[in-house]
Amino acid sequence: MPELDHCPVDLSSAREAACIHACKVTDSFRDKDCIEDLRVYMTRESQCALDRSTGARARYAELLHVSLDVSAVSFHKGYYSVDLTYYYRILADALMGNARPVPVCGLAVFSKRVVLYGGECGAKIFESGSEACCIGGAAVTDRSAPEVVLEAVDPMILAAKIVDACGCCRCDPALSDLPEGIFSCFDGELVLSGEAKRLYVTLGQFSVIRMQRKTQMLLPVLDYCVPTKEFCDTIPSQEDSDPCDLFQQVEFPLESFFPAGTAST
């Protein structure tokens, strides 16, 4: 089991110990992703404007939703893989030469997998209001897997570019099984194929991911638990002008995830 980061605290200020039933964090880390050349699937009206444009300037990226899928890692007891899928709404300007830029909008999707320690639990959990029941042949919900929580801020736009679809050699993953409600975030139908030009953006995403289990604990309430471990990923060597190199120099915005005055580095 990996050790969680602990900050030295003064227990003399604790007035009492309380027995609580709460979520114990078994593993957590800060995540800093530079997502290069992420394709944007435009709405029908926006795609028509993009096909006529001479260039594009990305203005804003909004994180709409994150899907999380947890599964146990074979032969590594207590560890779980988490498949994360981020859904973004990208707002940009299609440049029309000397004419006024046209606002365009589209969907971008980014997926990744991480592994965290979640411990083991052999107990079945039943709570009031739960619909899971074996009576009548209905399946009992699997409660042995730990809970995963992801906190994220809207990403930074680091770069944007337009490429001709006919000359693009990229193999972009096809969109499938979009969560309910994603399409309602856009004014029109999304164009998935047949476009003349494509918009690609590079995003900088900050997230905090933790795995937790419900348990009974006797503890004093002292301060917020701020993860200090950062997720390690291999980043190829690039020139100083690369947007991902610039993003790596941006300090993690802890104040966006924890109340003011409580976060510590």
Protein backbone atom coordinates (compact mmCIF):
# COMPACT_ATOMS: atom_id res chain seq x y z
CA MET A 1 0.00 0.00 0.00
CA PRO A 2 1.46 3.40 -0.93
CA GLU A 3 1.92 5.86 1.88
CA LEU A 4 -0.21 9.01 1.80
CA ASP A 5 1.44 12.36 2.26
CA HIS A 6 1.17 13.68 5.80
CA CYS A 7 1.84 17.16 7.11
CA PRO A 8 3.14 17.61 10.67
CA VAL A 9 0.29 18.90 12.87
CA ASP A 10 0.00 20.03 16.48
CA LEU A 11 -2.48 17.70 18.22
CA SER A 12 -2.47 19.83 21.39
CA SER A 13 -5.15 22.03 19.80
CA ALA A 14 -7.58 19.10 19.53
CA ARG A 15 -10.27 19.37 22.21
CA GLU A 16 -11.97 16.01 21.69
CA ALA A 17 -11.93 12.87 19.61
CA ALA A 18 -15.03 12.03 17.60
CA CYS A 19 -16.16 8.69 16.18
CA ILE A 20 -17.41 9.30 12.65
CA HIS A 21 -18.48 7.26 9.65
CA ALA A 22 -16.75 8.93 6.73
CA CYS A 23 -14.71 8.38 3.60
CA LYS A 24 -11.07 7.52 4.23
CA VAL A 25 -8.77 8.51 1.37
CA THR A 26 -6.67 5.49 0.38
CA ASP A 27 -4.72 7.18 -2.43
CA SER A 28 -4.67 10.56 -4.18
CA PHE A 29 -2.56 12.68 -6.49
CA ARG A 30 -2.45 15.97 -8.32
CA ASP A 31 -2.69 15.63 -12.08
CA LYS A 32 -1.29 18.08 -14.63
CA ASP A 33 -2.04 17.08 -18.22
CA CYS A 34 -0.86 18.82 -21.37
CA ILE A 35 -3.29 17.52 -24.01
CA GLU A 36 -1.79 18.14 -27.44
CA ASP A 37 -3.71 18.46 -30.72
CA LEU A 38 -7.14 17.52 -29.40
CA ARG A 39 -9.72 17.45 -32.19
CA VAL A 40 -12.78 19.66 -31.86
CA TYR A 41 -16.05 18.35 -33.32
CA MET A 42 -17.89 21.49 -34.45
CA THR A 43 -21.61 22.14 -34.62
CA ARG A 44 -23.09 22.20 -38.14
CA GLU A 45 -23.20 26.01 -38.33
CA SER A 46 -19.73 26.37 -36.83
CA GLN A 47 -18.27 23.81 -39.25
CA CYS A 48 -19.61 25.78 -42.23
CA ALA A 49 -17.84 28.88 -40.91
CA LEU A 50 -14.64 26.95 -40.20
CA ASP A 51 -14.56 25.51 -43.75
CA ARG A 52 -14.58 29.09 -45.15
CA SER A 53 -12.01 30.45 -42.70
CA THR A 54 -8.34 31.27 -43.16
CA GLY A 55 -7.46 30.41 -39.56
CA ALA A 56 -8.84 30.17 -36.03
CA ARG A 57 -8.20 31.61 -32.60
CA ALA A 58 -9.37 29.60 -29.57
CA ARG A 59 -10.93 31.76 -26.85
CA TYR A 60 -12.24 29.54 -24.07
CA ALA A 61 -12.48 25.90 -22.98
CA GLU A 62 -15.16 24.72 -20.56
CA LEU A 63 -15.08 21.36 -18.80
CA LEU A 64 -18.60 19.94 -19.17
CA HIS A 65 -18.32 16.49 -17.61
CA VAL A 66 -15.91 13.71 -16.59
CA SER A 67 -16.87 10.02 -16.81
CA LEU A 68 -15.14 7.60 -14.40
CA ASP A 69 -15.02 3.83 -14.73
CA VAL A 70 -13.35 1.78 -11.97
CA SER A 71 -12.11 -1.82 -12.30
CA ALA A 72 -9.81 -4.02 -10.19
CA VAL A 73 -6.26 -4.63 -11.43
CA SER A 74 -5.58 -8.34 -11.93
CA PHE A 75 -2.82 -9.88 -9.79
CA HIS A 76 -2.39 -6.64 -7.80
CA LYS A 77 -4.74 -6.86 -4.84
CA GLY A 78 -6.06 -3.57 -3.62
CA TYR A 79 -5.19 -1.63 -6.78
CA TYR A 80 -7.77 -0.29 -9.22
CA SER A 81 -7.55 1.23 -12.68
CA VAL A 82 -9.68 4.29 -13.38
CA ASP A 83 -10.65 5.21 -16.93
CA LEU A 84 -11.28 8.95 -17.15
CA THR A 85 -12.99 10.72 -20.04
CA TYR A 86 -13.09 14.52 -20.09
CA TYR A 87 -15.69 16.37 -22.22
CA TYR A 88 -14.98 19.98 -23.19
CA ARG A 89 -16.89 22.74 -24.93
CA ILE A 90 -14.45 24.78 -27.02
CA LEU A 91 -15.27 28.35 -28.05
CA ALA A 92 -13.18 29.89 -30.83
CA ASP A 93 -13.17 32.55 -33.57
CA ALA A 94 -12.99 31.53 -37.23
CA LEU A 95 -10.85 34.15 -38.99
CA MET A 96 -12.25 35.43 -42.29
CA GLY A 97 -9.40 37.50 -43.69
CA ASN A 98 -10.36 41.18 -43.54
CA ALA A 99 -13.92 40.35 -42.49
CA ARG A 100 -15.11 40.13 -38.91
CA PRO A 101 -14.27 36.80 -37.12
CA VAL A 102 -17.16 34.37 -36.72
CA PRO A 103 -17.70 32.71 -33.30
CA VAL A 104 -17.62 28.89 -33.51
CA CYS A 105 -18.24 26.16 -30.95
CA GLY A 106 -17.53 22.44 -30.68
CA LEU A 107 -16.90 19.37 -28.51
CA ALA A 108 -13.51 17.92 -27.57
CA VAL A 109 -13.02 14.59 -25.75
CA PHE A 110 -9.91 13.38 -23.90
CA SER A 111 -9.43 9.94 -22.29
CA LYS A 112 -6.74 8.52 -20.00
CA ARG A 113 -6.20 5.75 -17.44
CA VAL A 114 -4.67 5.94 -13.98
CA VAL A 115 -4.04 3.35 -11.26
CA LEU A 116 -4.63 4.01 -7.55
CA TYR A 117 -4.61 1.99 -4.35
CA GLY A 118 -8.10 1.40 -2.97
CA GLY A 119 -7.56 -1.36 -0.43
CA GLU A 120 -9.81 -4.40 -0.05
CA CYS A 121 -13.29 -4.82 1.37
CA GLY A 122 -15.26 -8.06 1.60
CA ALA A 123 -18.36 -6.61 3.27
CA LYS A 124 -21.63 -5.90 1.45
CA ILE A 125 -23.06 -2.49 2.19
CA PHE A 126 -26.81 -1.84 2.46
CA GLU A 127 -28.12 1.68 2.97
CA SER A 128 -31.59 3.10 3.43
CA GLY A 129 -33.01 4.28 0.13
CA SER A 130 -30.86 1.90 -1.90
CA GLU A 131 -32.66 0.13 -4.76
CA ALA A 132 -30.15 -2.72 -4.98
CA CYS A 133 -31.76 -5.93 -3.75
CA CYS A 134 -31.51 -9.64 -4.48
CA ILE A 135 -35.21 -10.25 -3.78
CA GLY A 136 -37.14 -11.07 -6.93
CA GLY A 137 -34.04 -11.99 -8.92
CA ALA A 138 -32.67 -8.43 -9.17
CA ALA A 139 -28.89 -8.19 -9.13
CA VAL A 140 -27.11 -6.79 -6.11
CA THR A 141 -24.90 -3.79 -6.89
CA ASP A 142 -21.19 -4.53 -6.47
CA ARG A 143 -20.07 -2.33 -3.58
CA SER A 144 -16.60 -3.87 -3.14
CA ALA A 145 -14.93 -1.30 -5.40
CA PRO A 146 -13.85 1.98 -3.76
CA GLU A 147 -15.27 5.36 -4.71
CA VAL A 148 -13.30 7.64 -7.04
CA VAL A 149 -13.62 11.41 -6.86
CA LEU A 150 -12.16 13.82 -9.40
CA GLU A 151 -12.00 17.58 -8.97
CA ALA A 152 -10.98 19.68 -11.96
CA VAL A 153 -10.95 23.28 -13.14
CA ASP A 154 -11.64 24.55 -16.65
CA PRO A 155 -8.50 23.96 -18.75
CA MET A 156 -6.09 26.52 -20.14
CA ILE A 157 -5.96 26.87 -23.92
CA LEU A 158 -2.29 26.63 -24.92
CA ALA A 159 -2.53 26.47 -28.73
CA ALA A 160 -4.95 26.05 -31.64
CA LYS A 161 -4.60 25.25 -35.32
CA ILE A 162 -6.67 24.39 -38.42
CA VAL A 163 -5.75 21.56 -40.80
CA ASP A 164 -7.31 20.39 -44.06
CA ALA A 165 -9.31 17.23 -43.49
CA CYS A 166 -8.28 15.72 -46.84
CA GLY A 167 -4.59 16.06 -46.03
CA CYS A 168 -4.81 15.08 -42.36
CA CYS A 169 -3.05 11.79 -41.57
CA ARG A 170 -4.25 11.68 -37.97
CA CYS A 171 -6.52 8.86 -36.86
CA ASP A 172 -8.86 10.55 -34.41
CA PRO A 173 -10.98 8.27 -32.19
CA ALA A 174 -14.64 8.20 -33.18
CA LEU A 175 -17.14 9.59 -30.71
CA SER A 176 -19.39 6.94 -29.23
CA ASP A 177 -21.67 6.55 -26.21
CA LEU A 178 -21.67 10.20 -25.24
CA PRO A 179 -23.18 10.81 -21.79
CA GLU A 180 -26.77 11.97 -21.73
CA GLY A 181 -26.93 15.73 -21.71
CA ILE A 182 -23.71 16.43 -23.63
CA PHE A 183 -25.56 17.14 -26.89
CA SER A 184 -27.87 19.56 -25.05
CA CYS A 185 -24.83 21.75 -24.27
CA PHE A 186 -24.62 22.73 -27.95
CA ASP A 187 -27.00 24.75 -30.11
CA GLY A 188 -26.87 22.40 -33.08
CA GLU A 189 -25.90 18.96 -34.37
CA LEU A 190 -22.24 17.98 -34.09
CA VAL A 191 -20.40 17.24 -37.33
CA LEU A 192 -18.56 13.93 -37.00
CA SER A 193 -17.45 13.43 -40.62
CA GLY A 194 -17.42 15.03 -44.07
CA GLU A 195 -15.80 18.30 -42.97
CA ALA A 196 -13.32 20.24 -45.12
CA LYS A 197 -11.24 21.63 -42.23
CA ARG A 198 -10.62 20.53 -38.67
CA LEU A 199 -9.81 22.49 -35.55
CA TYR A 200 -7.25 21.09 -33.09
CA VAL A 201 -6.48 22.61 -29.69
CA THR A 202 -3.83 22.00 -27.03
CA LEU A 203 -5.18 22.19 -23.48
CA GLY A 204 -3.60 22.33 -20.04
CA GLN A 205 -5.72 20.47 -17.49
CA PHE A 206 -5.34 20.55 -13.68
CA SER A 207 -7.10 17.86 -11.64
CA VAL A 208 -7.08 16.26 -8.21
CA ILE A 209 -8.02 12.57 -8.14
CA ARG A 210 -8.62 10.54 -5.00
CA MET A 211 -9.81 7.03 -4.15
CA GLN A 212 -11.73 6.53 -0.92
CA ARG A 213 -13.74 4.03 1.16
CA LYS A 214 -16.36 4.51 3.83
CA THR A 215 -15.21 3.45 7.30
CA GLN A 216 -15.55 4.30 10.99
CA MET A 217 -12.75 6.40 12.41
CA LEU A 218 -11.80 8.00 15.70
CA LEU A 219 -9.99 11.22 14.93
CA PRO A 220 -9.66 14.92 15.68
CA VAL A 221 -10.69 17.47 13.06
CA LEU A 222 -7.65 19.65 12.35
CA ASP A 223 -7.19 20.86 8.78
CA TYR A 224 -7.71 20.07 5.09
CA CYS A 225 -5.81 17.12 3.61
CA VAL A 226 -3.91 18.45 0.58
CA PRO A 227 -2.27 15.84 -1.72
CA THR A 228 1.34 16.62 -2.58
CA LYS A 229 2.15 13.65 -4.84
CA GLU A 230 2.00 14.47 -8.56
CA PHE A 231 1.12 11.89 -11.21
CA CYS A 232 4.26 10.99 -13.20
CA ASP A 233 4.10 10.73 -16.96
CA THR A 234 6.76 10.55 -19.65
CA ILE A 235 7.10 13.81 -21.56
CA PRO A 236 9.34 13.81 -24.66
CA SER A 237 12.01 16.47 -24.95
CA GLN A 238 10.76 19.45 -26.95
CA GLU A 239 11.84 22.94 -27.82
CA ASP A 240 11.32 25.81 -25.39
CA SER A 241 8.55 27.22 -27.56
CA ASP A 242 6.41 24.10 -27.23
CA PRO A 243 3.12 24.85 -25.43
CA CYS A 244 3.44 21.78 -23.20
CA ASP A 245 6.86 22.96 -21.98
CA LEU A 246 5.29 26.30 -21.07
CA PHE A 247 2.43 24.52 -19.30
CA GLN A 248 4.82 22.49 -17.16
CA GLN A 249 6.11 25.78 -15.75
CA VAL A 250 2.64 26.82 -14.54
CA GLU A 251 2.21 26.29 -10.80
CA PHE A 252 -0.57 23.92 -9.72
CA PRO A 253 -3.56 26.11 -8.63
CA LEU A 254 -4.20 24.59 -5.19
CA GLU A 255 -6.40 27.56 -4.25
CA SER A 256 -8.93 26.40 -6.85
CA PHE A 257 -9.39 23.04 -5.08
CA PHE A 258 -9.16 24.04 -1.41
CA PRO A 259 -10.64 27.01 0.51
CA ALA A 260 -8.49 30.11 0.73
CA GLY A 261 -5.93 30.04 3.51
CA THR A 262 -5.99 26.26 4.00
CA ALA A 263 -3.87 24.95 1.12
CA SER A 264 -0.15 24.40 1.63
CA THR A 265 2.55 23.37 -0.81
